[in-house]
Amino acid sequence: MVDIQLQAYIDEVRSQGHKEDELRAHLLEHGYDAKAVDEALGPGPAAPPTTAHPPLPAMEGGFKHRNPALVLLFSIITAGIYSIYWLASTTHELKTQTELAPSPYLLILFVIPFVNIIALIVYFWKYGKALHEVTGFSAIGMLVLMLFVFPVGQVLAQVQLNKH
């Protein structure tokens, strides 16, 4: 088990830019056990971070990587509010890639009775065409999924966007 005071001292000295070998020699000179020092030093901040996943690509000119299962879960937990946010966000990202993407501001029309049905169809058709241009996924398929089984369409759209 790492000595907390020793670890705090090591962190402080590291932040000042001292080299690991100098720090180790200094600690051993002052009577610290070599095993305890090695354990406290650990890999240090210079070691590359270990991660099971590759780093995500930069957002500039691309699409934000989102976990499709979490997109669905957040949509359920928030009773659809996250779905609207997700739709606006992914539409904005599509807009940076293609002119076919609808304006995210069209989502405002979804709250007007009767107009919302037409706006919904037009929006999802344009969204599907933009998604098709960028990813190759069927525009008609996406329209049908978004209209009749939105959660499935949402997850599939996110999977396609994550690929690009």
C-alpha atoms as a PDB file:
ATOM      1  CA  MET A   1       0.000   0.000   0.000  1.00  0.00           C
ATOM      2  CA  VAL A   2       1.328   3.422  -0.976  1.00  0.00           C
ATOM      3  CA  ASP A   3       2.186   5.859   1.832  1.00  0.00           C
ATOM      4  CA  ILE A   4      -0.144   8.854   1.330  1.00  0.00           C
ATOM      5  CA  GLN A   5       2.370  11.418   2.596  1.00  0.00           C
ATOM      6  CA  LEU A   6       5.087   9.966   0.376  1.00  0.00           C
ATOM      7  CA  GLN A   7       2.734  10.025  -2.625  1.00  0.00           C
ATOM      8  CA  ALA A   8       1.783  13.657  -1.928  1.00  0.00           C
ATOM      9  CA  TYR A   9       5.454  14.636  -1.706  1.00  0.00           C
ATOM     10  CA  ILE A  10       6.238  12.817  -4.958  1.00  0.00           C
ATOM     11  CA  ASP A  11       3.348  14.517  -6.739  1.00  0.00           C
ATOM     12  CA  GLU A  12       4.523  17.919  -5.510  1.00  0.00           C
ATOM     13  CA  VAL A  13       8.111  17.308  -6.618  1.00  0.00           C
ATOM     14  CA  ARG A  14       6.949  15.985 -10.006  1.00  0.00           C
ATOM     15  CA  SER A  15       4.895  19.125 -10.551  1.00  0.00           C
ATOM     16  CA  GLN A  16       8.101  21.129 -10.092  1.00  0.00           C
ATOM     17  CA  GLY A  17       9.692  19.255 -12.998  1.00  0.00           C
ATOM     18  CA  HIS A  18      12.267  17.087 -11.170  1.00  0.00           C
ATOM     19  CA  LYS A  19      13.433  13.908 -12.891  1.00  0.00           C
ATOM     20  CA  GLU A  20      12.282  10.514 -11.603  1.00  0.00           C
ATOM     21  CA  ASP A  21      15.797   9.141 -11.049  1.00  0.00           C
ATOM     22  CA  GLU A  22      16.817  12.218  -9.004  1.00  0.00           C
ATOM     23  CA  LEU A  23      13.644  11.946  -6.956  1.00  0.00           C
ATOM     24  CA  ARG A  24      14.201   8.224  -6.331  1.00  0.00           C
ATOM     25  CA  ALA A  25      17.837   8.775  -5.272  1.00  0.00           C
ATOM     26  CA  HIS A  26      16.791  11.629  -2.935  1.00  0.00           C
ATOM     27  CA  LEU A  27      14.105   9.509  -1.258  1.00  0.00           C
ATOM     28  CA  LEU A  28      16.456   6.539  -0.808  1.00  0.00           C
ATOM     29  CA  GLU A  29      19.098   8.860   0.740  1.00  0.00           C
ATOM     30  CA  HIS A  30      16.534   9.974   3.294  1.00  0.00           C
ATOM     31  CA  GLY A  31      15.826   6.451   4.464  1.00  0.00           C
ATOM     32  CA  TYR A  32      12.732   5.445   2.496  1.00  0.00           C
ATOM     33  CA  ASP A  33      12.409   1.761   1.599  1.00  0.00           C
ATOM     34  CA  ALA A  34      13.246   1.083  -2.091  1.00  0.00           C
ATOM     35  CA  LYS A  35      10.085  -1.001  -2.579  1.00  0.00           C
ATOM     36  CA  ALA A  36       7.879   1.744  -1.091  1.00  0.00           C
ATOM     37  CA  VAL A  37       9.569   4.380  -3.261  1.00  0.00           C
ATOM     38  CA  ASP A  38       9.145   2.318  -6.432  1.00  0.00           C
ATOM     39  CA  GLU A  39       5.500   1.645  -5.580  1.00  0.00           C
ATOM     40  CA  ALA A  40       4.841   5.328  -4.867  1.00  0.00           C
ATOM     41  CA  LEU A  41       6.637   6.481  -8.000  1.00  0.00           C
ATOM     42  CA  GLY A  42       4.553   4.175 -10.186  1.00  0.00           C
ATOM     43  CA  PRO A  43       4.425   4.901 -13.899  1.00  0.00           C
ATOM     44  CA  GLY A  44       4.463   8.674 -13.353  1.00  0.00           C
ATOM     45  CA  PRO A  45       2.731  11.322 -15.416  1.00  0.00           C
ATOM     46  CA  ALA A  46       5.085  10.870 -18.359  1.00  0.00           C
ATOM     47  CA  ALA A  47       3.723   7.374 -19.030  1.00  0.00           C
ATOM     48  CA  PRO A  48       1.143   7.230 -21.807  1.00  0.00           C
ATOM     49  CA  PRO A  49      -2.405   6.749 -20.550  1.00  0.00           C
ATOM     50  CA  THR A  50      -3.712   3.242 -20.868  1.00  0.00           C
ATOM     51  CA  THR A  51      -7.124   2.970 -22.431  1.00  0.00           C
ATOM     52  CA  ALA A  52      -9.150   0.157 -23.885  1.00  0.00           C
ATOM     53  CA  HIS A  53     -10.548   2.437 -26.602  1.00  0.00           C
ATOM     54  CA  PRO A  54      -8.688   4.329 -29.296  1.00  0.00           C
ATOM     55  CA  PRO A  55      -8.801   8.112 -28.994  1.00  0.00           C
ATOM     56  CA  LEU A  56     -11.835   9.742 -30.557  1.00  0.00           C
ATOM     57  CA  PRO A  57     -11.350  11.767 -33.722  1.00  0.00           C
ATOM     58  CA  ALA A  58     -11.481  15.535 -33.485  1.00  0.00           C
ATOM     59  CA  MET A  59     -14.908  17.085 -33.890  1.00  0.00           C
ATOM     60  CA  GLU A  60     -13.797  19.681 -36.439  1.00  0.00           C
ATOM     61  CA  GLY A  61     -15.353  18.710 -39.759  1.00  0.00           C
ATOM     62  CA  GLY A  62     -16.582  15.399 -38.379  1.00  0.00           C
ATOM     63  CA  PHE A  63     -19.151  13.873 -36.127  1.00  0.00           C
ATOM     64  CA  LYS A  64     -19.124  13.578 -32.375  1.00  0.00           C
ATOM     65  CA  HIS A  65     -18.810   9.974 -31.293  1.00  0.00           C
ATOM     66  CA  ARG A  66     -21.786   9.028 -29.114  1.00  0.00           C
ATOM     67  CA  ASN A  67     -22.642   5.679 -27.606  1.00  0.00           C
ATOM     68  CA  PRO A  68     -25.905   4.595 -29.344  1.00  0.00           C
ATOM     69  CA  ALA A  69     -27.117   2.725 -26.249  1.00  0.00           C
ATOM     70  CA  LEU A  70     -26.647   5.837 -24.113  1.00  0.00           C
ATOM     71  CA  VAL A  71     -28.399   7.972 -26.722  1.00  0.00           C
ATOM     72  CA  LEU A  72     -31.406   5.652 -26.432  1.00  0.00           C
ATOM     73  CA  LEU A  73     -31.192   5.496 -22.618  1.00  0.00           C
ATOM     74  CA  PHE A  74     -30.968   9.291 -22.231  1.00  0.00           C
ATOM     75  CA  SER A  75     -33.907   9.690 -24.611  1.00  0.00           C
ATOM     76  CA  ILE A  76     -36.010   7.354 -22.483  1.00  0.00           C
ATOM     77  CA  ILE A  77     -34.938   8.864 -19.154  1.00  0.00           C
ATOM     78  CA  THR A  78     -35.694  12.423 -20.318  1.00  0.00           C
ATOM     79  CA  ALA A  79     -39.009  11.439 -21.961  1.00  0.00           C
ATOM     80  CA  GLY A  80     -37.769  12.465 -25.405  1.00  0.00           C
ATOM     81  CA  ILE A  81     -36.137  15.775 -24.549  1.00  0.00           C
ATOM     82  CA  TYR A  82     -32.661  14.373 -25.225  1.00  0.00           C
ATOM     83  CA  SER A  83     -33.965  13.087 -28.568  1.00  0.00           C
ATOM     84  CA  ILE A  84     -34.702  16.649 -29.657  1.00  0.00           C
ATOM     85  CA  TYR A  85     -31.256  17.794 -28.496  1.00  0.00           C
ATOM     86  CA  TRP A  86     -29.641  14.816 -30.256  1.00  0.00           C
ATOM     87  CA  LEU A  87     -31.558  15.511 -33.468  1.00  0.00           C
ATOM     88  CA  ALA A  88     -30.534  19.196 -33.450  1.00  0.00           C
ATOM     89  CA  SER A  89     -26.898  18.326 -32.673  1.00  0.00           C
ATOM     90  CA  THR A  90     -26.546  15.643 -35.331  1.00  0.00           C
ATOM     91  CA  THR A  91     -28.332  17.841 -37.866  1.00  0.00           C
ATOM     92  CA  HIS A  92     -25.855  20.626 -37.153  1.00  0.00           C
ATOM     93  CA  GLU A  93     -22.995  18.156 -37.626  1.00  0.00           C
ATOM     94  CA  LEU A  94     -24.524  16.926 -40.907  1.00  0.00           C
ATOM     95  CA  LYS A  95     -24.921  20.541 -42.013  1.00  0.00           C
ATOM     96  CA  THR A  96     -21.134  20.944 -41.832  1.00  0.00           C
ATOM     97  CA  GLN A  97     -20.726  18.005 -44.223  1.00  0.00           C
ATOM     98  CA  THR A  98     -23.533  18.487 -46.745  1.00  0.00           C
ATOM     99  CA  GLU A  99     -25.957  21.119 -47.973  1.00  0.00           C
ATOM    100  CA  LEU A 100     -28.781  18.546 -48.008  1.00  0.00           C
ATOM    101  CA  ALA A 101     -29.156  18.599 -44.225  1.00  0.00           C
ATOM    102  CA  PRO A 102     -32.209  20.445 -42.913  1.00  0.00           C
ATOM    103  CA  SER A 103     -31.880  23.509 -40.755  1.00  0.00           C
ATOM    104  CA  PRO A 104     -32.036  22.608 -37.052  1.00  0.00           C
ATOM    105  CA  TYR A 105     -34.358  25.591 -36.642  1.00  0.00           C
ATOM    106  CA  LEU A 106     -37.104  23.640 -38.418  1.00  0.00           C
ATOM    107  CA  LEU A 107     -37.475  21.692 -35.174  1.00  0.00           C
ATOM    108  CA  ILE A 108     -39.383  24.688 -33.822  1.00  0.00           C
ATOM    109  CA  LEU A 109     -42.219  23.829 -36.217  1.00  0.00           C
ATOM    110  CA  PHE A 110     -42.707  20.513 -34.384  1.00  0.00           C
ATOM    111  CA  VAL A 111     -44.685  22.329 -31.668  1.00  0.00           C
ATOM    112  CA  ILE A 112     -47.319  23.811 -34.018  1.00  0.00           C
ATOM    113  CA  PRO A 113     -50.351  21.518 -34.403  1.00  0.00           C
ATOM    114  CA  PHE A 114     -51.018  20.191 -37.939  1.00  0.00           C
ATOM    115  CA  VAL A 115     -47.920  21.955 -39.284  1.00  0.00           C
ATOM    116  CA  ASN A 116     -45.812  19.597 -37.198  1.00  0.00           C
ATOM    117  CA  ILE A 117     -46.823  16.550 -39.264  1.00  0.00           C
ATOM    118  CA  ILE A 118     -45.644  18.133 -42.520  1.00  0.00           C
ATOM    119  CA  ALA A 119     -42.544  19.595 -40.842  1.00  0.00           C
ATOM    120  CA  LEU A 120     -41.723  16.191 -39.372  1.00  0.00           C
ATOM    121  CA  ILE A 121     -41.918  14.432 -42.736  1.00  0.00           C
ATOM    122  CA  VAL A 122     -39.888  17.124 -44.532  1.00  0.00           C
ATOM    123  CA  TYR A 123     -37.306  17.274 -41.755  1.00  0.00           C
ATOM    124  CA  PHE A 124     -36.811  13.505 -41.579  1.00  0.00           C
ATOM    125  CA  TRP A 125     -36.664  13.246 -45.389  1.00  0.00           C
ATOM    126  CA  LYS A 126     -33.930  15.893 -45.581  1.00  0.00           C
ATOM    127  CA  TYR A 127     -32.137  14.335 -42.611  1.00  0.00           C
ATOM    128  CA  GLY A 128     -32.239  10.927 -44.317  1.00  0.00           C
ATOM    129  CA  LYS A 129     -30.935  12.372 -47.609  1.00  0.00           C
ATOM    130  CA  ALA A 130     -28.073  14.126 -45.805  1.00  0.00           C
ATOM    131  CA  LEU A 131     -27.268  10.941 -43.883  1.00  0.00           C
ATOM    132  CA  HIS A 132     -27.361   8.996 -47.159  1.00  0.00           C
ATOM    133  CA  GLU A 133     -24.935  11.421 -48.803  1.00  0.00           C
ATOM    134  CA  VAL A 134     -22.475  11.205 -45.921  1.00  0.00           C
ATOM    135  CA  THR A 135     -22.781   7.540 -44.878  1.00  0.00           C
ATOM    136  CA  GLY A 136     -24.588   5.751 -47.701  1.00  0.00           C
ATOM    137  CA  PHE A 137     -27.489   4.644 -45.465  1.00  0.00           C
ATOM    138  CA  SER A 138     -30.855   4.502 -47.255  1.00  0.00           C
ATOM    139  CA  ALA A 139     -32.686   7.852 -47.154  1.00  0.00           C
ATOM    140  CA  ILE A 140     -36.103   6.210 -47.510  1.00  0.00           C
ATOM    141  CA  GLY A 141     -35.218   3.638 -44.856  1.00  0.00           C
ATOM    142  CA  MET A 142     -34.195   6.382 -42.471  1.00  0.00           C
ATOM    143  CA  LEU A 143     -37.395   8.334 -43.190  1.00  0.00           C
ATOM    144  CA  VAL A 144     -39.541   5.282 -42.414  1.00  0.00           C
ATOM    145  CA  LEU A 145     -37.592   4.463 -39.254  1.00  0.00           C
ATOM    146  CA  MET A 146     -37.646   8.029 -37.971  1.00  0.00           C
ATOM    147  CA  LEU A 147     -41.376   8.385 -38.615  1.00  0.00           C
ATOM    148  CA  PHE A 148     -42.602   5.061 -37.287  1.00  0.00           C
ATOM    149  CA  VAL A 149     -39.915   3.679 -34.970  1.00  0.00           C
ATOM    150  CA  PHE A 150     -37.930   6.759 -33.984  1.00  0.00           C
ATOM    151  CA  PRO A 151     -35.757   5.085 -31.314  1.00  0.00           C
ATOM    152  CA  VAL A 152     -34.541   2.495 -33.832  1.00  0.00           C
ATOM    153  CA  GLY A 153     -33.893   5.203 -36.437  1.00  0.00           C
ATOM    154  CA  GLN A 154     -32.071   7.283 -33.851  1.00  0.00           C
ATOM    155  CA  VAL A 155     -29.781   4.410 -32.846  1.00  0.00           C
ATOM    156  CA  LEU A 156     -29.076   3.391 -36.453  1.00  0.00           C
ATOM    157  CA  ALA A 157     -28.360   6.978 -37.449  1.00  0.00           C
ATOM    158  CA  GLN A 158     -25.929   7.321 -34.556  1.00  0.00           C
ATOM    159  CA  VAL A 159     -24.206   4.060 -35.489  1.00  0.00           C
ATOM    160  CA  GLN A 160     -23.785   5.333 -39.049  1.00  0.00           C
ATOM    161  CA  LEU A 161     -22.491   8.710 -37.865  1.00  0.00           C
ATOM    162  CA  ASN A 162     -20.005   7.020 -35.523  1.00  0.00           C
ATOM    163  CA  LYS A 163     -18.494   5.251 -38.532  1.00  0.00           C
ATOM    164  CA  HIS A 164     -17.611   8.593 -40.143  1.00  0.00           C
END
